[in-house]
Amino acid sequence: MSWLALEAAQAAMLQAGARGYLEGAETFRRLREAQFVAIVTPSVKHITMELARGG
């Protein structure tokens, strides 16, 4: 799920162009949030392994 957030945020940044990287821009905030989600979310591979183990 986190990769979907990253892809959406990156697509928004491409649409916004250079102004999307300005500190106050909404697209910049969304990119930071998507990156945070990707950092704190366990990987899909790890979750799949845990589910396969029954834990």
N, C-alpha and C. Protein backbone atom coordinates (compact mmCIF):
# COMPACT_ATOMS: atom_id res chain seq x y z
N MET A 1 0.82 -1.18 0.00
CA MET A 1 0.00 0.00 0.00
C MET A 1 0.87 1.26 0.00
N SER A 2 1.99 1.20 0.69
CA SER A 2 2.84 2.39 0.76
C SER A 2 3.40 2.76 -0.61
N TRP A 3 3.62 1.76 -1.46
CA TRP A 3 4.15 2.07 -2.79
C TRP A 3 3.12 2.81 -3.64
N LEU A 4 1.84 2.57 -3.38
CA LEU A 4 0.80 3.32 -4.10
C LEU A 4 0.82 4.79 -3.70
N ALA A 5 1.01 5.05 -2.42
CA ALA A 5 1.10 6.43 -1.95
C ALA A 5 2.30 7.13 -2.56
N LEU A 6 3.43 6.42 -2.63
CA LEU A 6 4.62 7.01 -3.24
C LEU A 6 4.41 7.30 -4.71
N GLU A 7 3.83 6.36 -5.43
CA GLU A 7 3.58 6.57 -6.86
C GLU A 7 2.64 7.75 -7.10
N ALA A 8 1.60 7.85 -6.30
CA ALA A 8 0.65 8.95 -6.45
C ALA A 8 1.31 10.29 -6.14
N ALA A 9 2.11 10.32 -5.09
CA ALA A 9 2.79 11.57 -4.71
C ALA A 9 3.80 11.97 -5.78
N GLN A 10 4.52 10.99 -6.33
CA GLN A 10 5.49 11.31 -7.37
C GLN A 10 4.80 11.79 -8.64
N ALA A 11 3.65 11.21 -8.97
CA ALA A 11 2.89 11.66 -10.13
C ALA A 11 2.41 13.09 -9.93
N ALA A 12 1.98 13.40 -8.72
CA ALA A 12 1.54 14.77 -8.41
C ALA A 12 2.70 15.75 -8.53
N MET A 13 3.88 15.32 -8.10
CA MET A 13 5.05 16.19 -8.20
C MET A 13 5.39 16.46 -9.66
N LEU A 14 5.29 15.44 -10.50
CA LEU A 14 5.55 15.64 -11.93
C LEU A 14 4.54 16.61 -12.54
N GLN A 15 3.28 16.49 -12.14
CA GLN A 15 2.24 17.40 -12.63
C GLN A 15 2.50 18.83 -12.19
N ALA A 16 2.93 19.00 -10.95
CA ALA A 16 3.11 20.35 -10.39
C ALA A 16 4.36 21.03 -10.94
N GLY A 17 5.32 20.24 -11.36
CA GLY A 17 6.56 20.83 -11.87
C GLY A 17 7.41 21.38 -10.74
N ALA A 18 8.22 22.37 -11.05
CA ALA A 18 9.18 22.92 -10.09
C ALA A 18 8.48 23.52 -8.87
N ARG A 19 7.32 24.12 -9.05
CA ARG A 19 6.65 24.74 -7.90
C ARG A 19 6.15 23.69 -6.90
N GLY A 20 6.06 22.44 -7.32
CA GLY A 20 5.67 21.38 -6.41
C GLY A 20 6.71 21.11 -5.34
N TYR A 21 7.93 21.53 -5.58
CA TYR A 21 9.01 21.31 -4.63
C TYR A 21 9.17 22.45 -3.63
N LEU A 22 8.38 23.51 -3.78
CA LEU A 22 8.45 24.60 -2.81
C LEU A 22 7.97 24.11 -1.45
N GLU A 23 8.60 24.59 -0.41
CA GLU A 23 8.33 24.08 0.93
C GLU A 23 6.86 24.17 1.34
N GLY A 24 6.16 25.20 0.95
CA GLY A 24 4.76 25.34 1.34
C GLY A 24 3.77 24.65 0.42
N ALA A 25 4.25 24.02 -0.63
CA ALA A 25 3.36 23.41 -1.62
C ALA A 25 2.69 22.15 -1.07
N GLU A 26 1.41 21.98 -1.40
CA GLU A 26 0.67 20.78 -0.98
C GLU A 26 1.31 19.50 -1.51
N THR A 27 1.79 19.56 -2.75
CA THR A 27 2.40 18.36 -3.33
C THR A 27 3.67 17.98 -2.58
N PHE A 28 4.42 18.96 -2.10
CA PHE A 28 5.63 18.67 -1.33
C PHE A 28 5.26 17.99 -0.01
N ARG A 29 4.19 18.47 0.62
CA ARG A 29 3.72 17.86 1.87
C ARG A 29 3.29 16.42 1.63
N ARG A 30 2.55 16.20 0.54
CA ARG A 30 2.10 14.83 0.23
C ARG A 30 3.28 13.90 -0.03
N LEU A 31 4.30 14.41 -0.70
CA LEU A 31 5.48 13.59 -0.96
C LEU A 31 6.16 13.22 0.35
N ARG A 32 6.32 14.18 1.25
CA ARG A 32 6.94 13.89 2.55
C ARG A 32 6.13 12.86 3.32
N GLU A 33 4.80 13.01 3.31
CA GLU A 33 3.94 12.06 4.02
C GLU A 33 4.04 10.66 3.41
N ALA A 34 4.06 10.58 2.09
CA ALA A 34 4.18 9.28 1.42
C ALA A 34 5.52 8.63 1.73
N GLN A 35 6.58 9.42 1.78
CA GLN A 35 7.89 8.89 2.13
C GLN A 35 7.91 8.40 3.57
N PHE A 36 7.25 9.12 4.46
CA PHE A 36 7.16 8.69 5.86
C PHE A 36 6.44 7.36 5.97
N VAL A 37 5.32 7.24 5.26
CA VAL A 37 4.55 5.99 5.29
C VAL A 37 5.41 4.83 4.79
N ALA A 38 6.18 5.06 3.73
CA ALA A 38 7.04 4.01 3.19
C ALA A 38 8.12 3.60 4.18
N ILE A 39 8.60 4.55 4.97
CA ILE A 39 9.66 4.26 5.94
C ILE A 39 9.12 3.46 7.12
N VAL A 40 7.95 3.82 7.62
CA VAL A 40 7.43 3.18 8.83
C VAL A 40 6.57 1.95 8.57
N THR A 41 6.22 1.70 7.33
CA THR A 41 5.39 0.55 7.00
C THR A 41 6.28 -0.65 6.69
N PRO A 42 5.99 -1.79 7.32
CA PRO A 42 6.78 -2.99 6.98
C PRO A 42 6.62 -3.33 5.50
N SER A 43 7.63 -3.96 4.96
CA SER A 43 7.57 -4.29 3.54
C SER A 43 6.52 -5.36 3.28
N VAL A 44 6.01 -5.36 2.07
CA VAL A 44 5.01 -6.35 1.67
C VAL A 44 5.58 -7.76 1.80
N LYS A 45 6.84 -7.91 1.46
CA LYS A 45 7.49 -9.22 1.57
C LYS A 45 7.49 -9.71 3.02
N HIS A 46 7.80 -8.82 3.95
CA HIS A 46 7.83 -9.19 5.36
C HIS A 46 6.43 -9.59 5.84
N ILE A 47 5.42 -8.83 5.47
CA ILE A 47 4.06 -9.14 5.88
C ILE A 47 3.63 -10.49 5.31
N THR A 48 3.95 -10.75 4.05
CA THR A 48 3.60 -12.02 3.42
C THR A 48 4.27 -13.18 4.14
N MET A 49 5.53 -13.02 4.51
CA MET A 49 6.24 -14.08 5.23
C MET A 49 5.60 -14.32 6.60
N GLU A 50 5.25 -13.27 7.30
CA GLU A 50 4.62 -13.42 8.62
C GLU A 50 3.27 -14.13 8.50
N LEU A 51 2.49 -13.77 7.50
CA LEU A 51 1.19 -14.42 7.31
C LEU A 51 1.37 -15.89 6.96
N ALA A 52 2.37 -16.21 6.16
CA ALA A 52 2.63 -17.60 5.78
C ALA A 52 3.05 -18.42 6.99
N ARG A 53 3.76 -17.79 7.92
CA ARG A 53 4.20 -18.48 9.14
C ARG A 53 3.06 -18.64 10.14
N GLY A 54 1.98 -17.93 9.91
CA GLY A 54 0.84 -18.01 10.82
C GLY A 54 0.94 -17.01 11.96
N GLY A 55 1.80 -16.02 11.80
CA GLY A 55 1.98 -15.07 12.91
C GLY A 55 1.58 -13.73 12.54
